Amino acid sequence: MSDVLSVGIIGSGGIARAHIQAIKENDNIRLAAVMDVDLSRVESLAKENNARAYTSVDSLLDDPEVEAILVCSPHIFHGDQVVASAKAGKHVLVEKPMALTLKECDDMIQACEAEGRLGN
């Protein structure tokens, strides 16, 4: 990793925007990409923040510049998105609630540990 962590955000709602504001206030983090299924919404958010826009999780995870993922999507998607992010070699920060079931939480933790990724 370089001195500046390059992150991608899944989701473009209010909590994602709060994370983007925090990123702007931190010299050690750079927003590289945002992902949302709503094309016009994600393109607008990406343009506002000089980032790339994606409409699929897989496309975001394929971006070699993205080192970490902030999962700010609806909580029903957290489990799959965290596991996919870890398997793609990305560090992960997930918004609360972490997941819907204890098993999903365990699977998320196990995926991060198995890939040697930080997951919070």
PDB file of N, CA and C in Angstrom:
ATOM      1  N   MET A   1       0.820  -1.178   0.000  1.00  0.00           N
ATOM      2  CA  MET A   1       0.000   0.000   0.000  1.00  0.00           C
ATOM      3  C   MET A   1       0.869   1.249   0.000  1.00  0.00           C
ATOM      4  N   SER A   2       0.411   2.269  -0.667  1.00  0.00           N
ATOM      5  CA  SER A   2       1.116   3.543  -0.669  1.00  0.00           C
ATOM      6  C   SER A   2       0.781   4.322   0.598  1.00  0.00           C
ATOM      7  N   ASP A   3       1.287   5.530   0.688  1.00  0.00           N
ATOM      8  CA  ASP A   3       1.000   6.383   1.845  1.00  0.00           C
ATOM      9  C   ASP A   3      -0.452   6.839   1.882  1.00  0.00           C
ATOM     10  N   VAL A   4      -1.110   6.802   0.728  1.00  0.00           N
ATOM     11  CA  VAL A   4      -2.513   7.211   0.630  1.00  0.00           C
ATOM     12  C   VAL A   4      -3.350   5.997   0.260  1.00  0.00           C
ATOM     13  N   LEU A   5      -4.340   5.688   1.092  1.00  0.00           N
ATOM     14  CA  LEU A   5      -5.221   4.552   0.851  1.00  0.00           C
ATOM     15  C   LEU A   5      -6.270   4.931  -0.178  1.00  0.00           C
ATOM     16  N   SER A   6      -6.372   4.161  -1.237  1.00  0.00           N
ATOM     17  CA  SER A   6      -7.333   4.390  -2.307  1.00  0.00           C
ATOM     18  C   SER A   6      -8.570   3.540  -2.053  1.00  0.00           C
ATOM     19  N   VAL A   7      -9.724   4.187  -1.884  1.00  0.00           N
ATOM     20  CA  VAL A   7     -10.937   3.465  -1.513  1.00  0.00           C
ATOM     21  C   VAL A   7     -12.036   3.584  -2.558  1.00  0.00           C
ATOM     22  N   GLY A   8     -12.912   2.589  -2.524  1.00  0.00           N
ATOM     23  CA  GLY A   8     -14.127   2.593  -3.321  1.00  0.00           C
ATOM     24  C   GLY A   8     -15.303   2.443  -2.373  1.00  0.00           C
ATOM     25  N   ILE A   9     -16.408   3.074  -2.715  1.00  0.00           N
ATOM     26  CA  ILE A   9     -17.603   3.014  -1.876  1.00  0.00           C
ATOM     27  C   ILE A   9     -18.722   2.313  -2.637  1.00  0.00           C
ATOM     28  N   ILE A  10     -19.355   1.354  -1.963  1.00  0.00           N
ATOM     29  CA  ILE A  10     -20.545   0.710  -2.510  1.00  0.00           C
ATOM     30  C   ILE A  10     -21.749   1.410  -1.886  1.00  0.00           C
ATOM     31  N   GLY A  11     -22.548   2.039  -2.724  1.00  0.00           N
ATOM     32  CA  GLY A  11     -23.711   2.788  -2.265  1.00  0.00           C
ATOM     33  C   GLY A  11     -23.493   4.269  -2.482  1.00  0.00           C
ATOM     34  N   SER A  12     -24.590   5.001  -2.629  1.00  0.00           N
ATOM     35  CA  SER A  12     -24.464   6.440  -2.872  1.00  0.00           C
ATOM     36  C   SER A  12     -25.478   7.253  -2.073  1.00  0.00           C
ATOM     37  N   GLY A  13     -25.988   6.665  -1.002  1.00  0.00           N
ATOM     38  CA  GLY A  13     -26.955   7.364  -0.163  1.00  0.00           C
ATOM     39  C   GLY A  13     -26.298   8.279   0.850  1.00  0.00           C
ATOM     40  N   GLY A  14     -27.055   8.650   1.847  1.00  0.00           N
ATOM     41  CA  GLY A  14     -26.598   9.607   2.847  1.00  0.00           C
ATOM     42  C   GLY A  14     -25.374   9.169   3.606  1.00  0.00           C
ATOM     43  N   ILE A  15     -25.301   7.904   4.003  1.00  0.00           N
ATOM     44  CA  ILE A  15     -24.145   7.442   4.772  1.00  0.00           C
ATOM     45  C   ILE A  15     -22.901   7.410   3.891  1.00  0.00           C
ATOM     46  N   ALA A  16     -23.051   7.065   2.623  1.00  0.00           N
ATOM     47  CA  ALA A  16     -21.908   7.104   1.697  1.00  0.00           C
ATOM     48  C   ALA A  16     -21.394   8.530   1.573  1.00  0.00           C
ATOM     49  N   ARG A  17     -22.302   9.478   1.498  1.00  0.00           N
ATOM     50  CA  ARG A  17     -21.900  10.890   1.391  1.00  0.00           C
ATOM     51  C   ARG A  17     -21.195  11.363   2.662  1.00  0.00           C
ATOM     52  N   ALA A  18     -21.603  10.849   3.812  1.00  0.00           N
ATOM     53  CA  ALA A  18     -20.912  11.189   5.063  1.00  0.00           C
ATOM     54  C   ALA A  18     -19.490  10.639   5.044  1.00  0.00           C
ATOM     55  N   HIS A  19     -19.320   9.431   4.530  1.00  0.00           N
ATOM     56  CA  HIS A  19     -17.978   8.855   4.407  1.00  0.00           C
ATOM     57  C   HIS A  19     -17.133   9.659   3.419  1.00  0.00           C
ATOM     58  N   ILE A  20     -17.732  10.081   2.333  1.00  0.00           N
ATOM     59  CA  ILE A  20     -16.998  10.880   1.346  1.00  0.00           C
ATOM     60  C   ILE A  20     -16.511  12.180   1.976  1.00  0.00           C
ATOM     61  N   GLN A  21     -17.346  12.806   2.773  1.00  0.00           N
ATOM     62  CA  GLN A  21     -16.941  14.036   3.456  1.00  0.00           C
ATOM     63  C   GLN A  21     -15.761  13.765   4.381  1.00  0.00           C
ATOM     64  N   ALA A  22     -15.802  12.668   5.111  1.00  0.00           N
ATOM     65  CA  ALA A  22     -14.694  12.306   6.007  1.00  0.00           C
ATOM     66  C   ALA A  22     -13.421  12.033   5.214  1.00  0.00           C
ATOM     67  N   ILE A  23     -13.553  11.386   4.071  1.00  0.00           N
ATOM     68  CA  ILE A  23     -12.391  11.109   3.220  1.00  0.00           C
ATOM     69  C   ILE A  23     -11.751  12.420   2.769  1.00  0.00           C
ATOM     70  N   LYS A  24     -12.575  13.382   2.392  1.00  0.00           N
ATOM     71  CA  LYS A  24     -12.064  14.679   1.930  1.00  0.00           C
ATOM     72  C   LYS A  24     -11.269  15.395   3.024  1.00  0.00           C
ATOM     73  N   GLU A  25     -11.574  15.098   4.262  1.00  0.00           N
ATOM     74  CA  GLU A  25     -10.911  15.757   5.391  1.00  0.00           C
ATOM     75  C   GLU A  25      -9.672  15.000   5.865  1.00  0.00           C
ATOM     76  N   ASN A  26      -9.322  13.913   5.191  1.00  0.00           N
ATOM     77  CA  ASN A  26      -8.190  13.080   5.602  1.00  0.00           C
ATOM     78  C   ASN A  26      -7.192  12.987   4.454  1.00  0.00           C
ATOM     79  N   ASP A  27      -5.983  13.446   4.676  1.00  0.00           N
ATOM     80  CA  ASP A  27      -4.951  13.434   3.640  1.00  0.00           C
ATOM     81  C   ASP A  27      -4.422  12.039   3.326  1.00  0.00           C
ATOM     82  N   ASN A  28      -4.749  11.050   4.148  1.00  0.00           N
ATOM     83  CA  ASN A  28      -4.231   9.696   3.962  1.00  0.00           C
ATOM     84  C   ASN A  28      -5.186   8.771   3.214  1.00  0.00           C
ATOM     85  N   ILE A  29      -6.331   9.309   2.801  1.00  0.00           N
ATOM     86  CA  ILE A  29      -7.333   8.508   2.100  1.00  0.00           C
ATOM     87  C   ILE A  29      -7.770   9.269   0.850  1.00  0.00           C
ATOM     88  N   ARG A  30      -7.961   8.514  -0.244  1.00  0.00           N
ATOM     89  CA  ARG A  30      -8.432   9.109  -1.496  1.00  0.00           C
ATOM     90  C   ARG A  30      -9.589   8.293  -2.035  1.00  0.00           C
ATOM     91  N   LEU A  31     -10.668   8.974  -2.404  1.00  0.00           N
ATOM     92  CA  LEU A  31     -11.799   8.298  -3.026  1.00  0.00           C
ATOM     93  C   LEU A  31     -11.463   8.033  -4.487  1.00  0.00           C
ATOM     94  N   ALA A  32     -11.386   6.768  -4.847  1.00  0.00           N
ATOM     95  CA  ALA A  32     -11.057   6.396  -6.219  1.00  0.00           C
ATOM     96  C   ALA A  32     -12.303   6.088  -7.043  1.00  0.00           C
ATOM     97  N   ALA A  33     -13.321   5.494  -6.392  1.00  0.00           N
ATOM     98  CA  ALA A  33     -14.476   5.021  -7.151  1.00  0.00           C
ATOM     99  C   ALA A  33     -15.705   4.908  -6.260  1.00  0.00           C
ATOM    100  N   VAL A  34     -16.864   5.023  -6.900  1.00  0.00           N
ATOM    101  CA  VAL A  34     -18.142   4.801  -6.225  1.00  0.00           C
ATOM    102  C   VAL A  34     -18.976   3.857  -7.083  1.00  0.00           C
ATOM    103  N   MET A  35     -19.792   3.057  -6.411  1.00  0.00           N
ATOM    104  CA  MET A  35     -20.634   2.091  -7.113  1.00  0.00           C
ATOM    105  C   MET A  35     -22.065   2.201  -6.614  1.00  0.00           C
ATOM    106  N   ASP A  36     -22.992   2.229  -7.536  1.00  0.00           N
ATOM    107  CA  ASP A  36     -24.419   2.178  -7.226  1.00  0.00           C
ATOM    108  C   ASP A  36     -25.120   1.636  -8.463  1.00  0.00           C
ATOM    109  N   VAL A  37     -26.254   0.992  -8.294  1.00  0.00           N
ATOM    110  CA  VAL A  37     -26.987   0.449  -9.437  1.00  0.00           C
ATOM    111  C   VAL A  37     -27.694   1.533 -10.228  1.00  0.00           C
ATOM    112  N   ASP A  38     -27.876   2.702  -9.639  1.00  0.00           N
ATOM    113  CA  ASP A  38     -28.518   3.824 -10.307  1.00  0.00           C
ATOM    114  C   ASP A  38     -27.447   4.620 -11.060  1.00  0.00           C
ATOM    115  N   LEU A  39     -27.399   4.460 -12.375  1.00  0.00           N
ATOM    116  CA  LEU A  39     -26.349   5.045 -13.202  1.00  0.00           C
ATOM    117  C   LEU A  39     -26.257   6.561 -13.081  1.00  0.00           C
ATOM    118  N   SER A  40     -27.368   7.262 -13.199  1.00  0.00           N
ATOM    119  CA  SER A  40     -27.303   8.725 -13.145  1.00  0.00           C
ATOM    120  C   SER A  40     -26.848   9.209 -11.769  1.00  0.00           C
ATOM    121  N   ARG A  41     -27.302   8.546 -10.736  1.00  0.00           N
ATOM    122  CA  ARG A  41     -26.922   8.922  -9.369  1.00  0.00           C
ATOM    123  C   ARG A  41     -25.425   8.706  -9.126  1.00  0.00           C
ATOM    124  N   VAL A  42     -24.910   7.546  -9.535  1.00  0.00           N
ATOM    125  CA  VAL A  42     -23.500   7.251  -9.290  1.00  0.00           C
ATOM    126  C   VAL A  42     -22.594   8.103 -10.175  1.00  0.00           C
ATOM    127  N   GLU A  43     -23.015   8.363 -11.399  1.00  0.00           N
ATOM    128  CA  GLU A  43     -22.204   9.220 -12.264  1.00  0.00           C
ATOM    129  C   GLU A  43     -22.105  10.631 -11.696  1.00  0.00           C
ATOM    130  N   SER A  44     -23.206  11.135 -11.175  1.00  0.00           N
ATOM    131  CA  SER A  44     -23.210  12.475 -10.570  1.00  0.00           C
ATOM    132  C   SER A  44     -22.296  12.524  -9.347  1.00  0.00           C
ATOM    133  N   LEU A  45     -22.413  11.539  -8.480  1.00  0.00           N
ATOM    134  CA  LEU A  45     -21.589  11.489  -7.275  1.00  0.00           C
ATOM    135  C   LEU A  45     -20.109  11.341  -7.628  1.00  0.00           C
ATOM    136  N   ALA A  46     -19.810  10.515  -8.606  1.00  0.00           N
ATOM    137  CA  ALA A  46     -18.422  10.321  -9.030  1.00  0.00           C
ATOM    138  C   ALA A  46     -17.854  11.622  -9.612  1.00  0.00           C
ATOM    139  N   LYS A  47     -18.626  12.282 -10.438  1.00  0.00           N
ATOM    140  CA  LYS A  47     -18.163  13.538 -11.048  1.00  0.00           C
ATOM    141  C   LYS A  47     -17.902  14.596  -9.971  1.00  0.00           C
ATOM    142  N   GLU A  48     -18.801  14.701  -8.996  1.00  0.00           N
ATOM    143  CA  GLU A  48     -18.639  15.668  -7.900  1.00  0.00           C
ATOM    144  C   GLU A  48     -17.355  15.438  -7.112  1.00  0.00           C
ATOM    145  N   ASN A  49     -16.875  14.197  -7.111  1.00  0.00           N
ATOM    146  CA  ASN A  49     -15.757  13.822  -6.250  1.00  0.00           C
ATOM    147  C   ASN A  49     -14.533  13.316  -7.014  1.00  0.00           C
ATOM    148  N   ASN A  50     -14.505  13.595  -8.318  1.00  0.00           N
ATOM    149  CA  ASN A  50     -13.357  13.219  -9.143  1.00  0.00           C
ATOM    150  C   ASN A  50     -13.004  11.736  -8.968  1.00  0.00           C
ATOM    151  N   ALA A  51     -14.021  10.887  -9.067  1.00  0.00           N
ATOM    152  CA  ALA A  51     -13.846   9.443  -8.893  1.00  0.00           C
ATOM    153  C   ALA A  51     -14.471   8.718 -10.090  1.00  0.00           C
ATOM    154  N   ARG A  52     -14.164   7.441 -10.224  1.00  0.00           N
ATOM    155  CA  ARG A  52     -14.765   6.625 -11.269  1.00  0.00           C
ATOM    156  C   ARG A  52     -16.117   6.102 -10.795  1.00  0.00           C
ATOM    157  N   ALA A  53     -17.032   5.911 -11.727  1.00  0.00           N
ATOM    158  CA  ALA A  53     -18.374   5.409 -11.416  1.00  0.00           C
ATOM    159  C   ALA A  53     -18.534   3.984 -11.935  1.00  0.00           C
ATOM    160  N   TYR A  54     -19.126   3.138 -11.109  1.00  0.00           N
ATOM    161  CA  TYR A  54     -19.427   1.757 -11.496  1.00  0.00           C
ATOM    162  C   TYR A  54     -20.878   1.454 -11.128  1.00  0.00           C
ATOM    163  N   THR A  55     -21.491   0.544 -11.903  1.00  0.00           N
ATOM    164  CA  THR A  55     -22.859   0.130 -11.598  1.00  0.00           C
ATOM    165  C   THR A  55     -22.938  -1.333 -11.176  1.00  0.00           C
ATOM    166  N   SER A  56     -21.792  -1.975 -10.994  1.00  0.00           N
ATOM    167  CA  SER A  56     -21.792  -3.344 -10.474  1.00  0.00           C
ATOM    168  C   SER A  56     -20.653  -3.501  -9.473  1.00  0.00           C
ATOM    169  N   VAL A  57     -20.896  -4.325  -8.476  1.00  0.00           N
ATOM    170  CA  VAL A  57     -19.881  -4.595  -7.463  1.00  0.00           C
ATOM    171  C   VAL A  57     -18.653  -5.226  -8.117  1.00  0.00           C
ATOM    172  N   ASP A  58     -18.871  -6.180  -9.024  1.00  0.00           N
ATOM    173  CA  ASP A  58     -17.750  -6.855  -9.676  1.00  0.00           C
ATOM    174  C   ASP A  58     -16.843  -5.875 -10.413  1.00  0.00           C
ATOM    175  N   SER A  59     -17.431  -4.913 -11.105  1.00  0.00           N
ATOM    176  CA  SER A  59     -16.627  -3.915 -11.817  1.00  0.00           C
ATOM    177  C   SER A  59     -15.787  -3.100 -10.847  1.00  0.00           C
ATOM    178  N   LEU A  60     -16.388  -2.696  -9.738  1.00  0.00           N
ATOM    179  CA  LEU A  60     -15.646  -1.950  -8.725  1.00  0.00           C
ATOM    180  C   LEU A  60     -14.508  -2.792  -8.168  1.00  0.00           C
ATOM    181  N   LEU A  61     -14.789  -4.045  -7.845  1.00  0.00           N
ATOM    182  CA  LEU A  61     -13.774  -4.915  -7.253  1.00  0.00           C
ATOM    183  C   LEU A  61     -12.662  -5.261  -8.232  1.00  0.00           C
ATOM    184  N   ASP A  62     -12.937  -5.178  -9.528  1.00  0.00           N
ATOM    185  CA  ASP A  62     -11.917  -5.428 -10.546  1.00  0.00           C
ATOM    186  C   ASP A  62     -10.962  -4.246 -10.724  1.00  0.00           C
ATOM    187  N   ASP A  63     -11.276  -3.112 -10.137  1.00  0.00           N
ATOM    188  CA  ASP A  63     -10.428  -1.920 -10.264  1.00  0.00           C
ATOM    189  C   ASP A  63      -9.158  -2.135  -9.438  1.00  0.00           C
ATOM    190  N   PRO A  64      -8.011  -2.265 -10.089  1.00  0.00           N
ATOM    191  CA  PRO A  64      -6.771  -2.568  -9.350  1.00  0.00           C
ATOM    192  C   PRO A  64      -6.288  -1.412  -8.472  1.00  0.00           C
ATOM    193  N   GLU A  65      -6.780  -0.220  -8.720  1.00  0.00           N
ATOM    194  CA  GLU A  65      -6.357   0.928  -7.928  1.00  0.00           C
ATOM    195  C   GLU A  65      -7.052   0.978  -6.570  1.00  0.00           C
ATOM    196  N   VAL A  66      -8.214   0.363  -6.457  1.00  0.00           N
ATOM    197  CA  VAL A  66      -8.987   0.371  -5.214  1.00  0.00           C
ATOM    198  C   VAL A  66      -8.391  -0.649  -4.244  1.00  0.00           C
ATOM    199  N   GLU A  67      -7.934  -0.161  -3.096  1.00  0.00           N
ATOM    200  CA  GLU A  67      -7.316  -1.026  -2.089  1.00  0.00           C
ATOM    201  C   GLU A  67      -8.293  -1.436  -0.990  1.00  0.00           C
ATOM    202  N   ALA A  68      -9.303  -0.615  -0.756  1.00  0.00           N
ATOM    203  CA  ALA A  68     -10.252  -0.869   0.325  1.00  0.00           C
ATOM    204  C   ALA A  68     -11.658  -0.490  -0.131  1.00  0.00           C
ATOM    205  N   ILE A  69     -12.635  -1.144   0.462  1.00  0.00           N
ATOM    206  CA  ILE A  69     -14.039  -0.914   0.125  1.00  0.00           C
ATOM    207  C   ILE A  69     -14.790  -0.455   1.371  1.00  0.00           C
ATOM    208  N   LEU A  70     -15.599   0.583   1.203  1.00  0.00           N
ATOM    209  CA  LEU A  70     -16.540   1.012   2.235  1.00  0.00           C
ATOM    210  C   LEU A  70     -17.917   0.541   1.785  1.00  0.00           C
ATOM    211  N   VAL A  71     -18.511  -0.363   2.528  1.00  0.00           N
ATOM    212  CA  VAL A  71     -19.821  -0.905   2.170  1.00  0.00           C
ATOM    213  C   VAL A  71     -20.894  -0.053   2.838  1.00  0.00           C
ATOM    214  N   CYS A  72     -21.567   0.755   2.031  1.00  0.00           N
ATOM    215  CA  CYS A  72     -22.595   1.688   2.507  1.00  0.00           C
ATOM    216  C   CYS A  72     -23.926   1.418   1.810  1.00  0.00           C
ATOM    217  N   SER A  73     -24.143   0.194   1.437  1.00  0.00           N
ATOM    218  CA  SER A  73     -25.368  -0.219   0.749  1.00  0.00           C
ATOM    219  C   SER A  73     -26.415  -0.624   1.792  1.00  0.00           C
ATOM    220  N   PRO A  74     -27.639  -0.926   1.347  1.00  0.00           N
ATOM    221  CA  PRO A  74     -28.625  -1.454   2.288  1.00  0.00           C
ATOM    222  C   PRO A  74     -28.091  -2.724   2.955  1.00  0.00           C
ATOM    223  N   HIS A  75     -28.396  -2.887   4.235  1.00  0.00           N
ATOM    224  CA  HIS A  75     -27.798  -3.961   5.014  1.00  0.00           C
ATOM    225  C   HIS A  75     -28.098  -5.365   4.506  1.00  0.00           C
ATOM    226  N   ILE A  76     -29.138  -5.538   3.737  1.00  0.00           N
ATOM    227  CA  ILE A  76     -29.438  -6.872   3.204  1.00  0.00           C
ATOM    228  C   ILE A  76     -28.357  -7.356   2.232  1.00  0.00           C
ATOM    229  N   PHE A  77     -27.546  -6.435   1.713  1.00  0.00           N
ATOM    230  CA  PHE A  77     -26.495  -6.793   0.759  1.00  0.00           C
ATOM    231  C   PHE A  77     -25.115  -6.908   1.404  1.00  0.00           C
ATOM    232  N   HIS A  78     -24.975  -6.502   2.646  1.00  0.00           N
ATOM    233  CA  HIS A  78     -23.661  -6.422   3.279  1.00  0.00           C
ATOM    234  C   HIS A  78     -22.872  -7.731   3.231  1.00  0.00           C
ATOM    235  N   GLY A  79     -23.507  -8.832   3.592  1.00  0.00           N
ATOM    236  CA  GLY A  79     -22.791 -10.105   3.664  1.00  0.00           C
ATOM    237  C   GLY A  79     -22.101 -10.464   2.363  1.00  0.00           C
ATOM    238  N   ASP A  80     -22.855 -10.499   1.289  1.00  0.00           N
ATOM    239  CA  ASP A  80     -22.288 -10.868  -0.018  1.00  0.00           C
ATOM    240  C   ASP A  80     -21.226  -9.864  -0.465  1.00  0.00           C
ATOM    241  N   GLN A  81     -21.470  -8.577  -0.226  1.00  0.00           N
ATOM    242  CA  GLN A  81     -20.527  -7.563  -0.689  1.00  0.00           C
ATOM    243  C   GLN A  81     -19.218  -7.592   0.094  1.00  0.00           C
ATOM    244  N   VAL A  82     -19.282  -7.838   1.385  1.00  0.00           N
ATOM    245  CA  VAL A  82     -18.057  -7.931   2.183  1.00  0.00           C
ATOM    246  C   VAL A  82     -17.256  -9.158   1.781  1.00  0.00           C
ATOM    247  N   VAL A  83     -17.911 -10.302   1.650  1.00  0.00           N
ATOM    248  CA  VAL A  83     -17.212 -11.534   1.259  1.00  0.00           C
ATOM    249  C   VAL A  83     -16.570 -11.351  -0.117  1.00  0.00           C
ATOM    250  N   ALA A  84     -17.309 -10.803  -1.064  1.00  0.00           N
ATOM    251  CA  ALA A  84     -16.756 -10.580  -2.413  1.00  0.00           C
ATOM    252  C   ALA A  84     -15.574  -9.618  -2.367  1.00  0.00           C
ATOM    253  N   SER A  85     -15.675  -8.577  -1.560  1.00  0.00           N
ATOM    254  CA  SER A  85     -14.585  -7.599  -1.443  1.00  0.00           C
ATOM    255  C   SER A  85     -13.328  -8.247  -0.882  1.00  0.00           C
ATOM    256  N   ALA A  86     -13.484  -9.037   0.163  1.00  0.00           N
ATOM    257  CA  ALA A  86     -12.330  -9.728   0.761  1.00  0.00           C
ATOM    258  C   ALA A  86     -11.709 -10.688  -0.246  1.00  0.00           C
ATOM    259  N   LYS A  87     -12.543 -11.453  -0.932  1.00  0.00           N
ATOM    260  CA  LYS A  87     -12.036 -12.413  -1.920  1.00  0.00           C
ATOM    261  C   LYS A  87     -11.333 -11.714  -3.077  1.00  0.00           C
ATOM    262  N   ALA A  88     -11.700 -10.448  -3.334  1.00  0.00           N
ATOM    263  CA  ALA A  88     -11.052  -9.661  -4.387  1.00  0.00           C
ATOM    264  C   ALA A  88      -9.760  -9.012  -3.883  1.00  0.00           C
ATOM    265  N   GLY A  89      -9.419  -9.274  -2.623  1.00  0.00           N
ATOM    266  CA  GLY A  89      -8.180  -8.741  -2.073  1.00  0.00           C
ATOM    267  C   GLY A  89      -8.280  -7.327  -1.538  1.00  0.00           C
ATOM    268  N   LYS A  90      -9.487  -6.893  -1.215  1.00  0.00           N
ATOM    269  CA  LYS A  90      -9.706  -5.539  -0.703  1.00  0.00           C
ATOM    270  C   LYS A  90      -9.910  -5.581   0.814  1.00  0.00           C
ATOM    271  N   HIS A  91      -9.422  -4.576   1.506  1.00  0.00           N
ATOM    272  CA  HIS A  91      -9.758  -4.381   2.908  1.00  0.00           C
ATOM    273  C   HIS A  91     -11.190  -3.858   2.932  1.00  0.00           C
ATOM    274  N   VAL A  92     -11.908  -4.049   4.051  1.00  0.00           N
ATOM    275  CA  VAL A  92     -13.335  -3.742   4.075  1.00  0.00           C
ATOM    276  C   VAL A  92     -13.747  -3.020   5.357  1.00  0.00           C
ATOM    277  N   LEU A  93     -14.542  -1.988   5.187  1.00  0.00           N
ATOM    278  CA  LEU A  93     -15.238  -1.339   6.299  1.00  0.00           C
ATOM    279  C   LEU A  93     -16.718  -1.402   5.943  1.00  0.00           C
ATOM    280  N   VAL A  94     -17.523  -1.954   6.847  1.00  0.00           N
ATOM    281  CA  VAL A  94     -18.949  -2.121   6.572  1.00  0.00           C
ATOM    282  C   VAL A  94     -19.764  -1.304   7.569  1.00  0.00           C
ATOM    283  N   GLU A  95     -20.767  -0.652   7.056  1.00  0.00           N
ATOM    284  CA  GLU A  95     -21.680   0.115   7.898  1.00  0.00           C
ATOM    285  C   GLU A  95     -22.540  -0.834   8.720  1.00  0.00           C
ATOM    286  N   LYS A  96     -23.129  -0.316   9.776  1.00  0.00           N
ATOM    287  CA  LYS A  96     -24.016  -1.113  10.612  1.00  0.00           C
ATOM    288  C   LYS A  96     -25.437  -1.093  10.057  1.00  0.00           C
ATOM    289  N   PRO A  97     -26.216  -2.081  10.324  1.00  0.00           N
ATOM    290  CA  PRO A  97     -25.808  -3.317  10.981  1.00  0.00           C
ATOM    291  C   PRO A  97     -24.909  -4.129  10.053  1.00  0.00           C
ATOM    292  N   MET A  98     -23.993  -4.851  10.659  1.00  0.00           N
ATOM    293  CA  MET A  98     -23.021  -5.621   9.894  1.00  0.00           C
ATOM    294  C   MET A  98     -23.716  -6.578   8.926  1.00  0.00           C
ATOM    295  N   ALA A  99     -24.686  -7.325   9.427  1.00  0.00           N
ATOM    296  CA  ALA A  99     -25.416  -8.294   8.601  1.00  0.00           C
ATOM    297  C   ALA A  99     -26.729  -8.633   9.282  1.00  0.00           C
ATOM    298  N   LEU A 100     -27.489  -9.508   8.664  1.00  0.00           N
ATOM    299  CA  LEU A 100     -28.803  -9.861   9.192  1.00  0.00           C
ATOM    300  C   LEU A 100     -28.777 -11.036  10.152  1.00  0.00           C
ATOM    301  N   THR A 101     -27.750 -11.888  10.038  1.00  0.00           N
ATOM    302  CA  THR A 101     -27.678 -13.071  10.905  1.00  0.00           C
ATOM    303  C   THR A 101     -26.255 -13.230  11.446  1.00  0.00           C
ATOM    304  N   LEU A 102     -26.148 -13.964  12.529  1.00  0.00           N
ATOM    305  CA  LEU A 102     -24.837 -14.260  13.096  1.00  0.00           C
ATOM    306  C   LEU A 102     -24.001 -15.068  12.114  1.00  0.00           C
ATOM    307  N   LYS A 103     -24.604 -15.995  11.393  1.00  0.00           N
ATOM    308  CA  LYS A 103     -23.871 -16.796  10.408  1.00  0.00           C
ATOM    309  C   LYS A 103     -23.270 -15.898   9.335  1.00  0.00           C
ATOM    310  N   GLU A 104     -24.060 -14.942   8.847  1.00  0.00           N
ATOM    311  CA  GLU A 104     -23.536 -14.003   7.847  1.00  0.00           C
ATOM    312  C   GLU A 104     -22.345 -13.226   8.399  1.00  0.00           C
ATOM    313  N   CYS A 105     -22.454 -12.774   9.639  1.00  0.00           N
ATOM    314  CA  CYS A 105     -21.339 -12.056  10.289  1.00  0.00           C
ATOM    315  C   CYS A 105     -20.107 -12.947  10.360  1.00  0.00           C
ATOM    316  N   ASP A 106     -20.302 -14.190  10.788  1.00  0.00           N
ATOM    317  CA  ASP A 106     -19.188 -15.127  10.871  1.00  0.00           C
ATOM    318  C   ASP A 106     -18.556 -15.361   9.501  1.00  0.00           C
ATOM    319  N   ASP A 107     -19.382 -15.500   8.472  1.00  0.00           N
ATOM    320  CA  ASP A 107     -18.874 -15.707   7.110  1.00  0.00           C
ATOM    321  C   ASP A 107     -18.059 -14.498   6.640  1.00  0.00           C
ATOM    322  N   MET A 108     -18.512 -13.307   6.979  1.00  0.00           N
ATOM    323  CA  MET A 108     -17.807 -12.082   6.592  1.00  0.00           C
ATOM    324  C   MET A 108     -16.440 -12.016   7.271  1.00  0.00           C
ATOM    325  N   ILE A 109     -16.424 -12.297   8.559  1.00  0.00           N
ATOM    326  CA  ILE A 109     -15.172 -12.274   9.323  1.00  0.00           C
ATOM    327  C   ILE A 109     -14.219 -13.329   8.784  1.00  0.00           C
ATOM    328  N   GLN A 110     -14.736 -14.524   8.557  1.00  0.00           N
ATOM    329  CA  GLN A 110     -13.911 -15.625   8.063  1.00  0.00           C
ATOM    330  C   GLN A 110     -13.323 -15.291   6.688  1.00  0.00           C
ATOM    331  N   ALA A 111     -14.101 -14.667   5.818  1.00  0.00           N
ATOM    332  CA  ALA A 111     -13.605 -14.312   4.481  1.00  0.00           C
ATOM    333  C   ALA A 111     -12.460 -13.308   4.579  1.00  0.00           C
ATOM    334  N   CYS A 112     -12.606 -12.329   5.439  1.00  0.00           N
ATOM    335  CA  CYS A 112     -11.538 -11.337   5.618  1.00  0.00           C
ATOM    336  C   CYS A 112     -10.286 -11.986   6.185  1.00  0.00           C
ATOM    337  N   GLU A 113     -10.449 -12.829   7.196  1.00  0.00           N
ATOM    338  CA  GLU A 113      -9.306 -13.505   7.792  1.00  0.00           C
ATOM    339  C   GLU A 113      -8.623 -14.446   6.804  1.00  0.00           C
ATOM    340  N   ALA A 114      -9.406 -15.187   6.030  1.00  0.00           N
ATOM    341  CA  ALA A 114      -8.849 -16.133   5.069  1.00  0.00           C
ATOM    342  C   ALA A 114      -8.019 -15.435   3.993  1.00  0.00           C
ATOM    343  N   GLU A 115      -8.420 -14.233   3.635  1.00  0.00           N
ATOM    344  CA  GLU A 115      -7.722 -13.486   2.595  1.00  0.00           C
ATOM    345  C   GLU A 115      -6.662 -12.541   3.171  1.00  0.00           C
ATOM    346  N   GLY A 116      -6.520 -12.534   4.494  1.00  0.00           N
ATOM    347  CA  GLY A 116      -5.545 -11.644   5.110  1.00  0.00           C
ATOM    348  C   GLY A 116      -5.908 -10.175   4.953  1.00  0.00           C
ATOM    349  N   ARG A 117      -7.190  -9.895   4.917  1.00  0.00           N
ATOM    350  CA  ARG A 117      -7.691  -8.524   4.740  1.00  0.00           C
ATOM    351  C   ARG A 117      -8.207  -8.010   6.069  1.00  0.00           C
ATOM    352  N   LEU A 118      -8.101  -6.723   6.270  1.00  0.00           N
ATOM    353  CA  LEU A 118      -8.698  -6.092   7.445  1.00  0.00           C
ATOM    354  C   LEU A 118     -10.173  -5.919   7.182  1.00  0.00           C
ATOM    355  N   GLY A 119     -10.998  -6.268   8.151  1.00  0.00           N
ATOM    356  CA  GLY A 119     -12.440  -6.107   8.019  1.00  0.00           C
ATOM    357  C   GLY A 119     -12.997  -5.533   9.307  1.00  0.00           C
ATOM    358  N   ASN A 120     -13.701  -4.436   9.204  1.00  0.00           N
ATOM    359  CA  ASN A 120     -14.315  -3.776  10.360  1.00  0.00           C
ATOM    360  C   ASN A 120     -15.734  -3.393  10.047  1.00  0.00           C
TER     361      ASN A 120
END
